[in-house]
Amino acid sequence: MPENRRAPARQRKIEDIDPKKDIRVRIACTVLEKDEDSILVDDGTGTTEIFIDKEDLIDIEDEETIRIIGRVLPTPDSFEIQGEIVQKMKDTDMDLYDEVLKIA
């Protein structure tokens, strides 16, 4: 892989993220709460904290459905995610989205 390219963001459920193998991930999730520099999200399989830029936090609301693309950073106990892109999924049919992921 050329040095100037990012690793692909793999679609993952929170429970399936492996910090030893996953470099970048995509997670469709619901925002549980917002902090000064992070959000706590739930995708139905688990919860995780995602650190994002303050500019991106301004537009995020509790209980909002979003997709996060971010870098997985191993920690001694588990992992954390440094969010790179936040996509709002307000108008997305989540049942259809889940069906597409199953066949993709």
PDB file of N, CA and C in Angstrom:
ATOM      1  N   MET A   1       0.855  -1.179   0.000  1.00  0.00           N
ATOM      2  CA  MET A   1       0.000   0.000   0.000  1.00  0.00           C
ATOM      3  C   MET A   1       0.898   1.238   0.000  1.00  0.00           C
ATOM      4  N   PRO A   2       0.641   2.199  -0.907  1.00  0.00           N
ATOM      5  CA  PRO A   2       1.439   3.423  -0.914  1.00  0.00           C
ATOM      6  C   PRO A   2       1.372   4.132   0.436  1.00  0.00           C
ATOM      7  N   GLU A   3       2.441   4.806   0.785  1.00  0.00           N
ATOM      8  CA  GLU A   3       2.533   5.449   2.098  1.00  0.00           C
ATOM      9  C   GLU A   3       1.520   6.568   2.301  1.00  0.00           C
ATOM     10  N   ASN A   4       1.080   7.216   1.235  1.00  0.00           N
ATOM     11  CA  ASN A   4       0.168   8.355   1.393  1.00  0.00           C
ATOM     12  C   ASN A   4      -1.300   7.952   1.421  1.00  0.00           C
ATOM     13  N   ARG A   5      -1.608   6.661   1.416  1.00  0.00           N
ATOM     14  CA  ARG A   5      -2.991   6.197   1.453  1.00  0.00           C
ATOM     15  C   ARG A   5      -3.363   5.731   2.847  1.00  0.00           C
ATOM     16  N   ARG A   6      -4.606   5.998   3.219  1.00  0.00           N
ATOM     17  CA  ARG A   6      -5.120   5.514   4.503  1.00  0.00           C
ATOM     18  C   ARG A   6      -5.569   4.071   4.354  1.00  0.00           C
ATOM     19  N   ALA A   7      -5.569   3.368   5.467  1.00  0.00           N
ATOM     20  CA  ALA A   7      -6.139   2.024   5.479  1.00  0.00           C
ATOM     21  C   ALA A   7      -7.637   2.144   5.265  1.00  0.00           C
ATOM     22  N   PRO A   8      -8.271   1.164   4.607  1.00  0.00           N
ATOM     23  CA  PRO A   8      -9.718   1.240   4.418  1.00  0.00           C
ATOM     24  C   PRO A   8     -10.456   1.164   5.751  1.00  0.00           C
ATOM     25  N   ALA A   9     -11.599   1.823   5.818  1.00  0.00           N
ATOM     26  CA  ALA A   9     -12.432   1.775   7.025  1.00  0.00           C
ATOM     27  C   ALA A   9     -13.386   0.594   6.874  1.00  0.00           C
ATOM     28  N   ARG A  10     -13.192  -0.439   7.654  1.00  0.00           N
ATOM     29  CA  ARG A  10     -14.000  -1.656   7.588  1.00  0.00           C
ATOM     30  C   ARG A  10     -15.280  -1.490   8.409  1.00  0.00           C
ATOM     31  N   GLN A  11     -16.404  -1.949   7.848  1.00  0.00           N
ATOM     32  CA  GLN A  11     -17.665  -1.940   8.585  1.00  0.00           C
ATOM     33  C   GLN A  11     -17.548  -2.914   9.751  1.00  0.00           C
ATOM     34  N   ARG A  12     -17.825  -2.474  10.963  1.00  0.00           N
ATOM     35  CA  ARG A  12     -17.728  -3.323  12.146  1.00  0.00           C
ATOM     36  C   ARG A  12     -18.860  -3.019  13.113  1.00  0.00           C
ATOM     37  N   LYS A  13     -19.218  -4.009  13.887  1.00  0.00           N
ATOM     38  CA  LYS A  13     -20.042  -3.836  15.072  1.00  0.00           C
ATOM     39  C   LYS A  13     -19.056  -3.612  16.212  1.00  0.00           C
ATOM     40  N   ILE A  14     -19.458  -2.872  17.228  1.00  0.00           N
ATOM     41  CA  ILE A  14     -18.547  -2.559  18.329  1.00  0.00           C
ATOM     42  C   ILE A  14     -17.989  -3.824  18.963  1.00  0.00           C
ATOM     43  N   GLU A  15     -18.826  -4.840  19.167  1.00  0.00           N
ATOM     44  CA  GLU A  15     -18.352  -6.067  19.810  1.00  0.00           C
ATOM     45  C   GLU A  15     -17.325  -6.815  18.968  1.00  0.00           C
ATOM     46  N   ASP A  16     -17.263  -6.541  17.660  1.00  0.00           N
ATOM     47  CA  ASP A  16     -16.352  -7.256  16.767  1.00  0.00           C
ATOM     48  C   ASP A  16     -15.039  -6.522  16.507  1.00  0.00           C
ATOM     49  N   ILE A  17     -14.876  -5.331  17.057  1.00  0.00           N
ATOM     50  CA  ILE A  17     -13.642  -4.572  16.823  1.00  0.00           C
ATOM     51  C   ILE A  17     -12.488  -5.249  17.545  1.00  0.00           C
ATOM     52  N   ASP A  18     -11.423  -5.517  16.790  1.00  0.00           N
ATOM     53  CA  ASP A  18     -10.212  -6.126  17.330  1.00  0.00           C
ATOM     54  C   ASP A  18      -9.082  -5.113  17.190  1.00  0.00           C
ATOM     55  N   PRO A  19      -8.653  -4.490  18.292  1.00  0.00           N
ATOM     56  CA  PRO A  19      -7.632  -3.445  18.195  1.00  0.00           C
ATOM     57  C   PRO A  19      -6.285  -3.949  17.678  1.00  0.00           C
ATOM     58  N   LYS A  20      -6.079  -5.270  17.663  1.00  0.00           N
ATOM     59  CA  LYS A  20      -4.834  -5.822  17.127  1.00  0.00           C
ATOM     60  C   LYS A  20      -4.885  -5.942  15.606  1.00  0.00           C
ATOM     61  N   LYS A  21      -6.100  -6.007  15.037  1.00  0.00           N
ATOM     62  CA  LYS A  21      -6.245  -6.195  13.596  1.00  0.00           C
ATOM     63  C   LYS A  21      -6.872  -5.001  12.893  1.00  0.00           C
ATOM     64  N   ASP A  22      -7.830  -4.340  13.541  1.00  0.00           N
ATOM     65  CA  ASP A  22      -8.540  -3.242  12.906  1.00  0.00           C
ATOM     66  C   ASP A  22      -7.769  -1.934  13.043  1.00  0.00           C
ATOM     67  N   ILE A  23      -7.583  -1.276  11.901  1.00  0.00           N
ATOM     68  CA  ILE A  23      -6.891   0.016  11.894  1.00  0.00           C
ATOM     69  C   ILE A  23      -7.909   1.148  11.836  1.00  0.00           C
ATOM     70  N   ARG A  24      -8.824   1.061  10.868  1.00  0.00           N
ATOM     71  CA  ARG A  24      -9.891   2.041  10.720  1.00  0.00           C
ATOM     72  C   ARG A  24     -11.203   1.285  10.590  1.00  0.00           C
ATOM     73  N   VAL A  25     -12.271   1.854  11.171  1.00  0.00           N
ATOM     74  CA  VAL A  25     -13.585   1.207  11.159  1.00  0.00           C
ATOM     75  C   VAL A  25     -14.680   2.198  10.821  1.00  0.00           C
ATOM     76  N   ARG A  26     -15.835   1.629  10.375  1.00  0.00           N
ATOM     77  CA  ARG A  26     -17.080   2.380  10.183  1.00  0.00           C
ATOM     78  C   ARG A  26     -18.096   1.766  11.126  1.00  0.00           C
ATOM     79  N   ILE A  27     -18.754   2.610  11.903  1.00  0.00           N
ATOM     80  CA  ILE A  27     -19.751   2.125  12.856  1.00  0.00           C
ATOM     81  C   ILE A  27     -21.023   2.952  12.698  1.00  0.00           C
ATOM     82  N   ALA A  28     -22.144   2.294  12.439  1.00  0.00           N
ATOM     83  CA  ALA A  28     -23.443   2.954  12.471  1.00  0.00           C
ATOM     84  C   ALA A  28     -23.961   2.800  13.892  1.00  0.00           C
ATOM     85  N   CYS A  29     -24.323   3.915  14.531  1.00  0.00           N
ATOM     86  CA  CYS A  29     -24.624   3.859  15.953  1.00  0.00           C
ATOM     87  C   CYS A  29     -25.550   5.001  16.367  1.00  0.00           C
ATOM     88  N   THR A  30     -25.980   4.922  17.617  1.00  0.00           N
ATOM     89  CA  THR A  30     -26.809   5.966  18.216  1.00  0.00           C
ATOM     90  C   THR A  30     -26.001   6.664  19.294  1.00  0.00           C
ATOM     91  N   VAL A  31     -26.079   7.976  19.330  1.00  0.00           N
ATOM     92  CA  VAL A  31     -25.358   8.759  20.332  1.00  0.00           C
ATOM     93  C   VAL A  31     -26.106   8.659  21.660  1.00  0.00           C
ATOM     94  N   LEU A  32     -25.419   8.197  22.693  1.00  0.00           N
ATOM     95  CA  LEU A  32     -26.012   8.120  24.025  1.00  0.00           C
ATOM     96  C   LEU A  32     -25.793   9.402  24.810  1.00  0.00           C
ATOM     97  N   GLU A  33     -24.563   9.914  24.743  1.00  0.00           N
ATOM     98  CA  GLU A  33     -24.276  11.177  25.427  1.00  0.00           C
ATOM     99  C   GLU A  33     -23.068  11.839  24.804  1.00  0.00           C
ATOM    100  N   LYS A  34     -22.996  13.127  25.028  1.00  0.00           N
ATOM    101  CA  LYS A  34     -21.961  13.963  24.444  1.00  0.00           C
ATOM    102  C   LYS A  34     -21.156  14.598  25.571  1.00  0.00           C
ATOM    103  N   ASP A  35     -19.831  14.626  25.402  1.00  0.00           N
ATOM    104  CA  ASP A  35     -18.936  15.241  26.384  1.00  0.00           C
ATOM    105  C   ASP A  35     -18.200  16.380  25.671  1.00  0.00           C
ATOM    106  N   GLU A  36     -17.191  16.954  26.320  1.00  0.00           N
ATOM    107  CA  GLU A  36     -16.453  18.070  25.728  1.00  0.00           C
ATOM    108  C   GLU A  36     -15.668  17.687  24.484  1.00  0.00           C
ATOM    109  N   ASP A  37     -15.112  16.459  24.460  1.00  0.00           N
ATOM    110  CA  ASP A  37     -14.293  16.053  23.323  1.00  0.00           C
ATOM    111  C   ASP A  37     -14.614  14.646  22.828  1.00  0.00           C
ATOM    112  N   SER A  38     -15.748  14.105  23.262  1.00  0.00           N
ATOM    113  CA  SER A  38     -16.087  12.748  22.866  1.00  0.00           C
ATOM    114  C   SER A  38     -17.593  12.515  22.913  1.00  0.00           C
ATOM    115  N   ILE A  39     -17.988  11.385  22.323  1.00  0.00           N
ATOM    116  CA  ILE A  39     -19.368  10.941  22.407  1.00  0.00           C
ATOM    117  C   ILE A  39     -19.366   9.472  22.812  1.00  0.00           C
ATOM    118  N   LEU A  40     -20.381   9.081  23.545  1.00  0.00           N
ATOM    119  CA  LEU A  40     -20.588   7.687  23.896  1.00  0.00           C
ATOM    120  C   LEU A  40     -21.661   7.173  22.949  1.00  0.00           C
ATOM    121  N   VAL A  41     -21.360   6.074  22.238  1.00  0.00           N
ATOM    122  CA  VAL A  41     -22.293   5.556  21.243  1.00  0.00           C
ATOM    123  C   VAL A  41     -22.625   4.098  21.520  1.00  0.00           C
ATOM    124  N   ASP A  42     -23.754   3.670  20.967  1.00  0.00           N
ATOM    125  CA  ASP A  42     -24.232   2.290  21.099  1.00  0.00           C
ATOM    126  C   ASP A  42     -24.689   1.832  19.721  1.00  0.00           C
ATOM    127  N   ASP A  43     -24.259   0.625  19.325  1.00  0.00           N
ATOM    128  CA  ASP A  43     -24.698   0.094  18.029  1.00  0.00           C
ATOM    129  C   ASP A  43     -25.566  -1.152  18.176  1.00  0.00           C
ATOM    130  N   GLY A  44     -26.009  -1.431  19.396  1.00  0.00           N
ATOM    131  CA  GLY A  44     -26.830  -2.612  19.642  1.00  0.00           C
ATOM    132  C   GLY A  44     -26.028  -3.814  20.089  1.00  0.00           C
ATOM    133  N   THR A  45     -24.706  -3.789  19.855  1.00  0.00           N
ATOM    134  CA  THR A  45     -23.844  -4.888  20.311  1.00  0.00           C
ATOM    135  C   THR A  45     -22.942  -4.456  21.450  1.00  0.00           C
ATOM    136  N   GLY A  46     -22.867  -3.155  21.687  1.00  0.00           N
ATOM    137  CA  GLY A  46     -22.006  -2.640  22.740  1.00  0.00           C
ATOM    138  C   GLY A  46     -21.924  -1.129  22.658  1.00  0.00           C
ATOM    139  N   THR A  47     -21.184  -0.561  23.587  1.00  0.00           N
ATOM    140  CA  THR A  47     -20.967   0.882  23.615  1.00  0.00           C
ATOM    141  C   THR A  47     -19.475   1.159  23.572  1.00  0.00           C
ATOM    142  N   THR A  48     -19.125   2.338  23.081  1.00  0.00           N
ATOM    143  CA  THR A  48     -17.736   2.773  23.089  1.00  0.00           C
ATOM    144  C   THR A  48     -17.690   4.291  23.063  1.00  0.00           C
ATOM    145  N   GLU A  49     -16.585   4.825  23.524  1.00  0.00           N
ATOM    146  CA  GLU A  49     -16.364   6.260  23.499  1.00  0.00           C
ATOM    147  C   GLU A  49     -15.567   6.598  22.247  1.00  0.00           C
ATOM    148  N   ILE A  50     -16.006   7.637  21.554  1.00  0.00           N
ATOM    149  CA  ILE A  50     -15.333   8.078  20.345  1.00  0.00           C
ATOM    150  C   ILE A  50     -14.913   9.521  20.536  1.00  0.00           C
ATOM    151  N   PHE A  51     -13.620   9.772  20.362  1.00  0.00           N
ATOM    152  CA  PHE A  51     -13.077  11.118  20.506  1.00  0.00           C
ATOM    153  C   PHE A  51     -13.136  11.805  19.151  1.00  0.00           C
ATOM    154  N   ILE A  52     -13.731  13.001  19.127  1.00  0.00           N
ATOM    155  CA  ILE A  52     -13.862  13.739  17.867  1.00  0.00           C
ATOM    156  C   ILE A  52     -13.558  15.208  18.085  1.00  0.00           C
ATOM    157  N   ASP A  53     -13.298  15.914  16.982  1.00  0.00           N
ATOM    158  CA  ASP A  53     -13.009  17.345  17.037  1.00  0.00           C
ATOM    159  C   ASP A  53     -14.220  18.112  17.555  1.00  0.00           C
ATOM    160  N   LYS A  54     -13.938  19.180  18.265  1.00  0.00           N
ATOM    161  CA  LYS A  54     -15.013  19.994  18.846  1.00  0.00           C
ATOM    162  C   LYS A  54     -15.938  20.567  17.773  1.00  0.00           C
ATOM    163  N   GLU A  55     -15.401  20.871  16.579  1.00  0.00           N
ATOM    164  CA  GLU A  55     -16.247  21.407  15.511  1.00  0.00           C
ATOM    165  C   GLU A  55     -17.318  20.396  15.111  1.00  0.00           C
ATOM    166  N   ASP A  56     -16.962  19.106  15.110  1.00  0.00           N
ATOM    167  CA  ASP A  56     -17.919  18.059  14.758  1.00  0.00           C
ATOM    168  C   ASP A  56     -18.935  17.822  15.871  1.00  0.00           C
ATOM    169  N   LEU A  57     -18.545  18.086  17.109  1.00  0.00           N
ATOM    170  CA  LEU A  57     -19.451  17.880  18.251  1.00  0.00           C
ATOM    171  C   LEU A  57     -20.632  18.841  18.248  1.00  0.00           C
ATOM    172  N   ILE A  58     -20.448  20.013  17.689  1.00  0.00           N
ATOM    173  CA  ILE A  58     -21.483  21.044  17.716  1.00  0.00           C
ATOM    174  C   ILE A  58     -22.784  20.551  17.093  1.00  0.00           C
ATOM    175  N   ASP A  59     -22.685  19.813  15.998  1.00  0.00           N
ATOM    176  CA  ASP A  59     -23.870  19.389  15.255  1.00  0.00           C
ATOM    177  C   ASP A  59     -24.458  18.066  15.727  1.00  0.00           C
ATOM    178  N   ILE A  60     -23.848  17.403  16.698  1.00  0.00           N
ATOM    179  CA  ILE A  60     -24.310  16.087  17.140  1.00  0.00           C
ATOM    180  C   ILE A  60     -25.266  16.231  18.320  1.00  0.00           C
ATOM    181  N   GLU A  61     -26.383  15.511  18.253  1.00  0.00           N
ATOM    182  CA  GLU A  61     -27.383  15.542  19.315  1.00  0.00           C
ATOM    183  C   GLU A  61     -27.510  14.165  19.957  1.00  0.00           C
ATOM    184  N   ASP A  62     -27.895  14.122  21.231  1.00  0.00           N
ATOM    185  CA  ASP A  62     -28.174  12.853  21.900  1.00  0.00           C
ATOM    186  C   ASP A  62     -29.294  12.127  21.165  1.00  0.00           C
ATOM    187  N   GLU A  63     -29.213  10.813  21.132  1.00  0.00           N
ATOM    188  CA  GLU A  63     -30.200   9.930  20.486  1.00  0.00           C
ATOM    189  C   GLU A  63     -30.197  10.026  18.960  1.00  0.00           C
ATOM    190  N   GLU A  64     -29.240  10.721  18.397  1.00  0.00           N
ATOM    191  CA  GLU A  64     -29.136  10.842  16.948  1.00  0.00           C
ATOM    192  C   GLU A  64     -28.428   9.609  16.384  1.00  0.00           C
ATOM    193  N   THR A  65     -28.854   9.152  15.210  1.00  0.00           N
ATOM    194  CA  THR A  65     -28.193   8.038  14.533  1.00  0.00           C
ATOM    195  C   THR A  65     -27.134   8.612  13.596  1.00  0.00           C
ATOM    196  N   ILE A  66     -25.913   8.098  13.735  1.00  0.00           N
ATOM    197  CA  ILE A  66     -24.788   8.578  12.934  1.00  0.00           C
ATOM    198  C   ILE A  66     -23.942   7.392  12.479  1.00  0.00           C
ATOM    199  N   ARG A  67     -23.067   7.668  11.534  1.00  0.00           N
ATOM    200  CA  ARG A  67     -22.029   6.704  11.174  1.00  0.00           C
ATOM    201  C   ARG A  67     -20.706   7.406  11.429  1.00  0.00           C
ATOM    202  N   ILE A  68     -19.838   6.720  12.110  1.00  0.00           N
ATOM    203  CA  ILE A  68     -18.510   7.240  12.432  1.00  0.00           C
ATOM    204  C   ILE A  68     -17.481   6.450  11.651  1.00  0.00           C
ATOM    205  N   ILE A  69     -16.557   7.155  11.049  1.00  0.00           N
ATOM    206  CA  ILE A  69     -15.374   6.530  10.471  1.00  0.00           C
ATOM    207  C   ILE A  69     -14.221   7.014  11.330  1.00  0.00           C
ATOM    208  N   GLY A  70     -13.461   6.060  11.860  1.00  0.00           N
ATOM    209  CA  GLY A  70     -12.394   6.457  12.767  1.00  0.00           C
ATOM    210  C   GLY A  70     -11.283   5.435  12.886  1.00  0.00           C
ATOM    211  N   ARG A  71     -10.242   5.864  13.531  1.00  0.00           N
ATOM    212  CA  ARG A  71      -9.044   5.051  13.735  1.00  0.00           C
ATOM    213  C   ARG A  71      -9.136   4.351  15.087  1.00  0.00           C
ATOM    214  N   VAL A  72      -8.858   3.058  15.090  1.00  0.00           N
ATOM    215  CA  VAL A  72      -8.882   2.264  16.318  1.00  0.00           C
ATOM    216  C   VAL A  72      -7.521   2.398  16.995  1.00  0.00           C
ATOM    217  N   LEU A  73      -7.540   2.820  18.256  1.00  0.00           N
ATOM    218  CA  LEU A  73      -6.310   2.987  19.027  1.00  0.00           C
ATOM    219  C   LEU A  73      -6.346   2.029  20.214  1.00  0.00           C
ATOM    220  N   PRO A  74      -5.428   1.049  20.231  1.00  0.00           N
ATOM    221  CA  PRO A  74      -5.402   0.096  21.354  1.00  0.00           C
ATOM    222  C   PRO A  74      -5.073   0.799  22.667  1.00  0.00           C
ATOM    223  N   THR A  75      -5.695   0.350  23.745  1.00  0.00           N
ATOM    224  CA  THR A  75      -5.379   0.806  25.099  1.00  0.00           C
ATOM    225  C   THR A  75      -5.008  -0.439  25.901  1.00  0.00           C
ATOM    226  N   PRO A  76      -4.465  -0.287  27.096  1.00  0.00           N
ATOM    227  CA  PRO A  76      -4.097  -1.476  27.875  1.00  0.00           C
ATOM    228  C   PRO A  76      -5.271  -2.438  28.126  1.00  0.00           C
ATOM    229  N   ASP A  77      -6.472  -1.903  28.301  1.00  0.00           N
ATOM    230  CA  ASP A  77      -7.625  -2.751  28.612  1.00  0.00           C
ATOM    231  C   ASP A  77      -8.491  -3.090  27.406  1.00  0.00           C
ATOM    232  N   SER A  78      -8.480  -2.231  26.375  1.00  0.00           N
ATOM    233  CA  SER A  78      -9.406  -2.438  25.268  1.00  0.00           C
ATOM    234  C   SER A  78      -8.964  -1.597  24.071  1.00  0.00           C
ATOM    235  N   PHE A  79      -9.765  -0.604  23.706  1.00  0.00           N
ATOM    236  CA  PHE A  79      -9.446   0.295  22.605  1.00  0.00           C
ATOM    237  C   PHE A  79     -10.256   1.578  22.763  1.00  0.00           C
ATOM    238  N   GLU A  80      -9.849   2.587  22.006  1.00  0.00           N
ATOM    239  CA  GLU A  80     -10.661   3.785  21.855  1.00  0.00           C
ATOM    240  C   GLU A  80     -10.639   4.128  20.375  1.00  0.00           C
ATOM    241  N   ILE A  81     -11.552   4.988  19.978  1.00  0.00           N
ATOM    242  CA  ILE A  81     -11.642   5.350  18.571  1.00  0.00           C
ATOM    243  C   ILE A  81     -11.477   6.852  18.426  1.00  0.00           C
ATOM    244  N   GLN A  82     -10.578   7.235  17.526  1.00  0.00           N
ATOM    245  CA  GLN A  82     -10.403   8.636  17.176  1.00  0.00           C
ATOM    246  C   GLN A  82     -11.227   8.880  15.925  1.00  0.00           C
ATOM    247  N   GLY A  83     -12.361   9.572  16.084  1.00  0.00           N
ATOM    248  CA  GLY A  83     -13.261   9.816  14.970  1.00  0.00           C
ATOM    249  C   GLY A  83     -12.643  10.735  13.937  1.00  0.00           C
ATOM    250  N   GLU A  84     -12.803  10.369  12.668  1.00  0.00           N
ATOM    251  CA  GLU A  84     -12.294  11.187  11.572  1.00  0.00           C
ATOM    252  C   GLU A  84     -13.431  11.836  10.792  1.00  0.00           C
ATOM    253  N   ILE A  85     -14.514  11.087  10.586  1.00  0.00           N
ATOM    254  CA  ILE A  85     -15.656  11.568   9.813  1.00  0.00           C
ATOM    255  C   ILE A  85     -16.934  11.214  10.555  1.00  0.00           C
ATOM    256  N   VAL A  86     -17.845  12.159  10.654  1.00  0.00           N
ATOM    257  CA  VAL A  86     -19.162  11.932  11.256  1.00  0.00           C
ATOM    258  C   VAL A  86     -20.203  12.144  10.162  1.00  0.00           C
ATOM    259  N   GLN A  87     -21.027  11.123   9.924  1.00  0.00           N
ATOM    260  CA  GLN A  87     -22.086  11.224   8.924  1.00  0.00           C
ATOM    261  C   GLN A  87     -23.425  11.058   9.613  1.00  0.00           C
ATOM    262  N   LYS A  88     -24.308  12.019   9.405  1.00  0.00           N
ATOM    263  CA  LYS A  88     -25.653  11.918   9.973  1.00  0.00           C
ATOM    264  C   LYS A  88     -26.464  10.935   9.140  1.00  0.00           C
ATOM    265  N   MET A  89     -27.262  10.121   9.814  1.00  0.00           N
ATOM    266  CA  MET A  89     -28.059   9.101   9.123  1.00  0.00           C
ATOM    267  C   MET A  89     -29.542   9.277   9.420  1.00  0.00           C
ATOM    268  N   LYS A  90     -29.944  10.520   9.639  1.00  0.00           N
ATOM    269  CA  LYS A  90     -31.318  10.843  10.012  1.00  0.00           C
ATOM    270  C   LYS A  90     -32.348  10.287   9.039  1.00  0.00           C
ATOM    271  N   ASP A  91     -32.085  10.378   7.755  1.00  0.00           N
ATOM    272  CA  ASP A  91     -33.058   9.954   6.756  1.00  0.00           C
ATOM    273  C   ASP A  91     -32.802   8.539   6.241  1.00  0.00           C
ATOM    274  N   THR A  92     -31.920   7.804   6.895  1.00  0.00           N
ATOM    275  CA  THR A  92     -31.586   6.451   6.456  1.00  0.00           C
ATOM    276  C   THR A  92     -32.557   5.438   7.045  1.00  0.00           C
ATOM    277  N   ASP A  93     -33.053   4.558   6.213  1.00  0.00           N
ATOM    278  CA  ASP A  93     -33.872   3.432   6.667  1.00  0.00           C
ATOM    279  C   ASP A  93     -32.903   2.410   7.273  1.00  0.00           C
ATOM    280  N   MET A  94     -32.803   2.365   8.593  1.00  0.00           N
ATOM    281  CA  MET A  94     -31.805   1.528   9.259  1.00  0.00           C
ATOM    282  C   MET A  94     -32.056   0.033   9.058  1.00  0.00           C
ATOM    283  N   ASP A  95     -33.307  -0.381   8.917  1.00  0.00           N
ATOM    284  CA  ASP A  95     -33.585  -1.791   8.634  1.00  0.00           C
ATOM    285  C   ASP A  95     -33.020  -2.172   7.270  1.00  0.00           C
ATOM    286  N   LEU A  96     -33.236  -1.328   6.285  1.00  0.00           N
ATOM    287  CA  LEU A  96     -32.699  -1.576   4.950  1.00  0.00           C
ATOM    288  C   LEU A  96     -31.176  -1.514   4.965  1.00  0.00           C
ATOM    289  N   TYR A  97     -30.624  -0.566   5.697  1.00  0.00           N
ATOM    290  CA  TYR A  97     -29.173  -0.432   5.829  1.00  0.00           C
ATOM    291  C   TYR A  97     -28.582  -1.725   6.395  1.00  0.00           C
ATOM    292  N   ASP A  98     -29.178  -2.264   7.437  1.00  0.00           N
ATOM    293  CA  ASP A  98     -28.696  -3.518   8.042  1.00  0.00           C
ATOM    294  C   ASP A  98     -28.794  -4.681   7.059  1.00  0.00           C
ATOM    295  N   GLU A  99     -29.872  -4.735   6.255  1.00  0.00           N
ATOM    296  CA  GLU A  99     -30.026  -5.785   5.255  1.00  0.00           C
ATOM    297  C   GLU A  99     -28.932  -5.707   4.198  1.00  0.00           C
ATOM    298  N   VAL A 100     -28.618  -4.492   3.770  1.00  0.00           N
ATOM    299  CA  VAL A 100     -27.548  -4.310   2.773  1.00  0.00           C
ATOM    300  C   VAL A 100     -26.214  -4.778   3.343  1.00  0.00           C
ATOM    301  N   LEU A 101     -25.931  -4.471   4.589  1.00  0.00           N
ATOM    302  CA  LEU A 101     -24.677  -4.888   5.204  1.00  0.00           C
ATOM    303  C   LEU A 101     -24.567  -6.410   5.276  1.00  0.00           C
ATOM    304  N   LYS A 102     -25.687  -7.087   5.457  1.00  0.00           N
ATOM    305  CA  LYS A 102     -25.662  -8.541   5.530  1.00  0.00           C
ATOM    306  C   LYS A 102     -25.271  -9.183   4.200  1.00  0.00           C
ATOM    307  N   ILE A 103     -25.638  -8.555   3.088  1.00  0.00           N
ATOM    308  CA  ILE A 103     -25.340  -9.159   1.796  1.00  0.00           C
ATOM    309  C   ILE A 103     -24.072  -8.591   1.149  1.00  0.00           C
ATOM    310  N   ALA A 104     -23.549  -7.509   1.706  1.00  0.00           N
ATOM    311  CA  ALA A 104     -22.350  -6.873   1.115  1.00  0.00           C
ATOM    312  C   ALA A 104     -21.085  -7.635   1.443  1.00  0.00           C
TER     313      ALA A 104
END
